[in-house]
Amino acid sequence: MMLKTDYEMWGTACGDNCAKWILKIAEKKDITVSFEHLMNFPEDIKAEIVNTGKIVNNDMEFMLEVLRYGFKNKEC
């Protein structure tokens, strides 16, 4: 669905084995994925944390931003 639609996807339904596929899809198009867990990305990423506007460049920055901000819904 991430590849074929423009909807925000609920990434919590995906396990860590989906991380590489999320990155492959993101190479083809911009996607928005919401998580309620720390996904372990297998390689460096470049992503915007929508809730804070911060750009993260790797798995560690992603985890630190989530730990700092939490898993709050962007509408809160």
N, C-alpha and C. Protein backbone atom coordinates (compact mmCIF):
# COMPACT_ATOMS: atom_id res chain seq x y z
N MET A 1 0.81 -1.19 0.00
CA MET A 1 0.00 0.00 0.00
C MET A 1 0.86 1.26 0.00
N MET A 2 2.01 1.21 0.67
CA MET A 2 2.88 2.39 0.71
C MET A 2 3.30 2.81 -0.69
N LEU A 3 3.54 1.85 -1.54
CA LEU A 3 3.99 2.14 -2.89
C LEU A 3 2.87 2.66 -3.78
N LYS A 4 1.66 2.18 -3.57
CA LYS A 4 0.56 2.47 -4.49
C LYS A 4 -0.37 3.60 -4.06
N THR A 5 -0.26 4.06 -2.79
CA THR A 5 -1.16 5.12 -2.32
C THR A 5 -0.36 6.28 -1.73
N ASP A 6 -1.05 7.35 -1.42
CA ASP A 6 -0.43 8.50 -0.77
C ASP A 6 -0.92 8.67 0.67
N TYR A 7 -1.52 7.63 1.22
CA TYR A 7 -2.01 7.68 2.59
C TYR A 7 -0.86 7.56 3.57
N GLU A 8 -1.05 8.13 4.76
CA GLU A 8 -0.11 7.89 5.85
C GLU A 8 -0.29 6.45 6.31
N MET A 9 0.79 5.73 6.43
CA MET A 9 0.72 4.33 6.81
C MET A 9 1.05 4.16 8.29
N TRP A 10 0.41 3.19 8.90
CA TRP A 10 0.65 2.86 10.30
C TRP A 10 1.77 1.83 10.34
N GLY A 11 3.00 2.31 10.57
CA GLY A 11 4.18 1.45 10.53
C GLY A 11 4.29 0.49 11.68
N THR A 12 3.51 0.69 12.72
CA THR A 12 3.56 -0.20 13.87
C THR A 12 3.12 -1.61 13.48
N ALA A 13 2.31 -1.73 12.45
CA ALA A 13 1.91 -3.05 11.98
C ALA A 13 3.06 -3.78 11.29
N CYS A 14 4.11 -3.05 10.95
CA CYS A 14 5.27 -3.63 10.29
C CYS A 14 6.31 -4.02 11.33
N GLY A 15 6.97 -5.13 11.10
CA GLY A 15 8.08 -5.52 11.96
C GLY A 15 9.38 -4.95 11.41
N ASP A 16 10.47 -5.17 12.14
CA ASP A 16 11.77 -4.67 11.70
C ASP A 16 12.18 -5.24 10.34
N ASN A 17 11.65 -6.40 9.98
CA ASN A 17 11.98 -6.97 8.67
C ASN A 17 11.39 -6.15 7.52
N CYS A 18 10.48 -5.24 7.82
CA CYS A 18 9.90 -4.37 6.79
C CYS A 18 10.73 -3.11 6.56
N ALA A 19 11.67 -2.82 7.44
CA ALA A 19 12.43 -1.57 7.38
C ALA A 19 13.13 -1.40 6.03
N LYS A 20 13.73 -2.47 5.53
CA LYS A 20 14.45 -2.34 4.25
C LYS A 20 13.48 -2.04 3.11
N TRP A 21 12.25 -2.57 3.19
CA TRP A 21 11.27 -2.31 2.14
C TRP A 21 10.72 -0.90 2.23
N ILE A 22 10.56 -0.39 3.44
CA ILE A 22 10.14 1.00 3.62
C ILE A 22 11.17 1.92 2.99
N LEU A 23 12.45 1.64 3.21
CA LEU A 23 13.52 2.47 2.63
C LEU A 23 13.53 2.38 1.11
N LYS A 24 13.29 1.18 0.56
CA LYS A 24 13.25 1.03 -0.90
C LYS A 24 12.09 1.82 -1.50
N ILE A 25 10.94 1.77 -0.87
CA ILE A 25 9.78 2.54 -1.35
C ILE A 25 10.08 4.03 -1.25
N ALA A 26 10.72 4.45 -0.17
CA ALA A 26 11.04 5.87 0.03
C ALA A 26 12.04 6.39 -1.01
N GLU A 27 12.81 5.50 -1.63
CA GLU A 27 13.70 5.91 -2.73
C GLU A 27 12.89 6.31 -3.96
N LYS A 28 11.70 5.73 -4.10
CA LYS A 28 10.86 5.98 -5.27
C LYS A 28 9.89 7.13 -5.07
N LYS A 29 9.45 7.36 -3.82
CA LYS A 29 8.47 8.40 -3.55
C LYS A 29 8.51 8.79 -2.08
N ASP A 30 8.05 10.00 -1.78
CA ASP A 30 7.94 10.43 -0.40
C ASP A 30 6.78 9.68 0.25
N ILE A 31 7.02 9.16 1.44
CA ILE A 31 5.97 8.46 2.18
C ILE A 31 5.94 8.98 3.61
N THR A 32 4.79 8.85 4.24
CA THR A 32 4.63 9.19 5.65
C THR A 32 4.22 7.93 6.38
N VAL A 33 5.02 7.57 7.38
CA VAL A 33 4.77 6.35 8.15
C VAL A 33 4.77 6.73 9.63
N SER A 34 3.74 6.32 10.35
CA SER A 34 3.69 6.58 11.79
C SER A 34 4.04 5.30 12.54
N PHE A 35 4.81 5.48 13.61
CA PHE A 35 5.27 4.34 14.41
C PHE A 35 4.88 4.52 15.87
N GLU A 36 4.64 3.42 16.53
CA GLU A 36 4.48 3.39 17.98
C GLU A 36 5.53 2.47 18.59
N HIS A 37 6.58 2.22 17.84
CA HIS A 37 7.72 1.45 18.33
C HIS A 37 8.97 1.94 17.60
N LEU A 38 10.13 1.64 18.14
CA LEU A 38 11.38 2.00 17.48
C LEU A 38 11.69 0.97 16.41
N MET A 39 11.58 1.36 15.18
CA MET A 39 11.93 0.46 14.09
C MET A 39 13.44 0.49 13.91
N ASN A 40 14.02 -0.68 13.75
CA ASN A 40 15.46 -0.80 13.57
C ASN A 40 15.77 -0.76 12.08
N PHE A 41 16.20 0.40 11.60
CA PHE A 41 16.54 0.54 10.18
C PHE A 41 17.93 -0.03 9.93
N PRO A 42 18.13 -0.78 8.85
CA PRO A 42 19.38 -1.49 8.61
C PRO A 42 20.51 -0.61 8.07
N GLU A 43 20.23 0.61 7.71
CA GLU A 43 21.25 1.46 7.10
C GLU A 43 20.93 2.91 7.41
N ASP A 44 21.81 3.79 6.96
CA ASP A 44 21.54 5.21 7.16
C ASP A 44 20.26 5.61 6.45
N ILE A 45 19.55 6.52 7.07
CA ILE A 45 18.29 7.00 6.52
C ILE A 45 18.33 8.52 6.49
N LYS A 46 17.51 9.10 5.69
CA LYS A 46 17.27 10.54 5.76
C LYS A 46 15.77 10.69 5.84
N ALA A 47 15.31 11.16 6.98
CA ALA A 47 13.87 11.24 7.22
C ALA A 47 13.55 12.48 8.01
N GLU A 48 12.35 13.01 7.78
CA GLU A 48 11.86 14.11 8.59
C GLU A 48 10.89 13.56 9.62
N ILE A 49 11.13 13.91 10.87
CA ILE A 49 10.19 13.56 11.93
C ILE A 49 9.09 14.62 11.86
N VAL A 50 7.93 14.23 11.39
CA VAL A 50 6.84 15.18 11.13
C VAL A 50 6.44 15.92 12.40
N ASN A 51 6.43 15.22 13.53
CA ASN A 51 6.00 15.84 14.79
C ASN A 51 6.89 16.99 15.21
N THR A 52 8.19 16.93 14.88
CA THR A 52 9.14 17.95 15.35
C THR A 52 9.75 18.75 14.21
N GLY A 53 9.66 18.26 13.00
CA GLY A 53 10.28 18.93 11.86
C GLY A 53 11.77 18.65 11.74
N LYS A 54 12.33 17.84 12.62
CA LYS A 54 13.76 17.55 12.61
C LYS A 54 14.08 16.51 11.51
N ILE A 55 15.19 16.75 10.82
CA ILE A 55 15.70 15.79 9.83
C ILE A 55 16.69 14.89 10.54
N VAL A 56 16.50 13.59 10.42
CA VAL A 56 17.45 12.63 10.98
C VAL A 56 18.17 11.93 9.83
N ASN A 57 19.44 11.60 10.06
CA ASN A 57 20.28 11.04 9.00
C ASN A 57 20.70 9.60 9.23
N ASN A 58 20.36 9.05 10.37
CA ASN A 58 20.72 7.65 10.63
C ASN A 58 19.82 7.10 11.72
N ASP A 59 19.97 5.80 11.96
CA ASP A 59 19.13 5.08 12.90
C ASP A 59 19.26 5.65 14.32
N MET A 60 20.48 6.03 14.72
CA MET A 60 20.70 6.54 16.07
C MET A 60 19.98 7.89 16.26
N GLU A 61 20.09 8.78 15.29
CA GLU A 61 19.38 10.06 15.39
C GLU A 61 17.87 9.85 15.46
N PHE A 62 17.38 8.89 14.67
CA PHE A 62 15.95 8.56 14.69
C PHE A 62 15.54 8.12 16.10
N MET A 63 16.29 7.19 16.68
CA MET A 63 15.96 6.67 18.00
C MET A 63 16.04 7.77 19.07
N LEU A 64 17.08 8.61 19.01
CA LEU A 64 17.22 9.68 20.00
C LEU A 64 16.07 10.69 19.89
N GLU A 65 15.66 11.01 18.69
CA GLU A 65 14.54 11.95 18.51
C GLU A 65 13.24 11.36 19.03
N VAL A 66 13.02 10.08 18.78
CA VAL A 66 11.81 9.43 19.29
C VAL A 66 11.85 9.37 20.81
N LEU A 67 13.01 9.04 21.38
CA LEU A 67 13.12 8.98 22.84
C LEU A 67 12.93 10.36 23.46
N ARG A 68 13.41 11.40 22.77
CA ARG A 68 13.25 12.77 23.28
C ARG A 68 11.80 13.23 23.19
N TYR A 69 11.16 12.95 22.06
CA TYR A 69 9.83 13.46 21.79
C TYR A 69 8.72 12.50 22.20
N GLY A 70 8.95 11.23 22.00
CA GLY A 70 7.94 10.22 22.30
C GLY A 70 7.13 9.87 21.06
N PHE A 71 6.17 9.03 21.22
CA PHE A 71 5.33 8.56 20.13
C PHE A 71 3.98 9.27 20.14
N LYS A 72 3.98 10.57 20.29
CA LYS A 72 2.73 11.31 20.33
C LYS A 72 2.20 11.51 18.93
N ASN A 73 0.92 11.43 18.78
CA ASN A 73 0.27 11.66 17.51
C ASN A 73 0.47 13.12 17.12
N LYS A 74 0.71 13.39 15.84
CA LYS A 74 0.99 14.75 15.40
C LYS A 74 -0.19 15.69 15.59
N GLU A 75 -1.40 15.18 15.77
CA GLU A 75 -2.55 16.04 15.98
C GLU A 75 -2.67 16.49 17.43
N CYS A 76 -1.93 15.89 18.34
CA CYS A 76 -2.03 16.24 19.77
C CYS A 76 -1.38 17.57 20.05
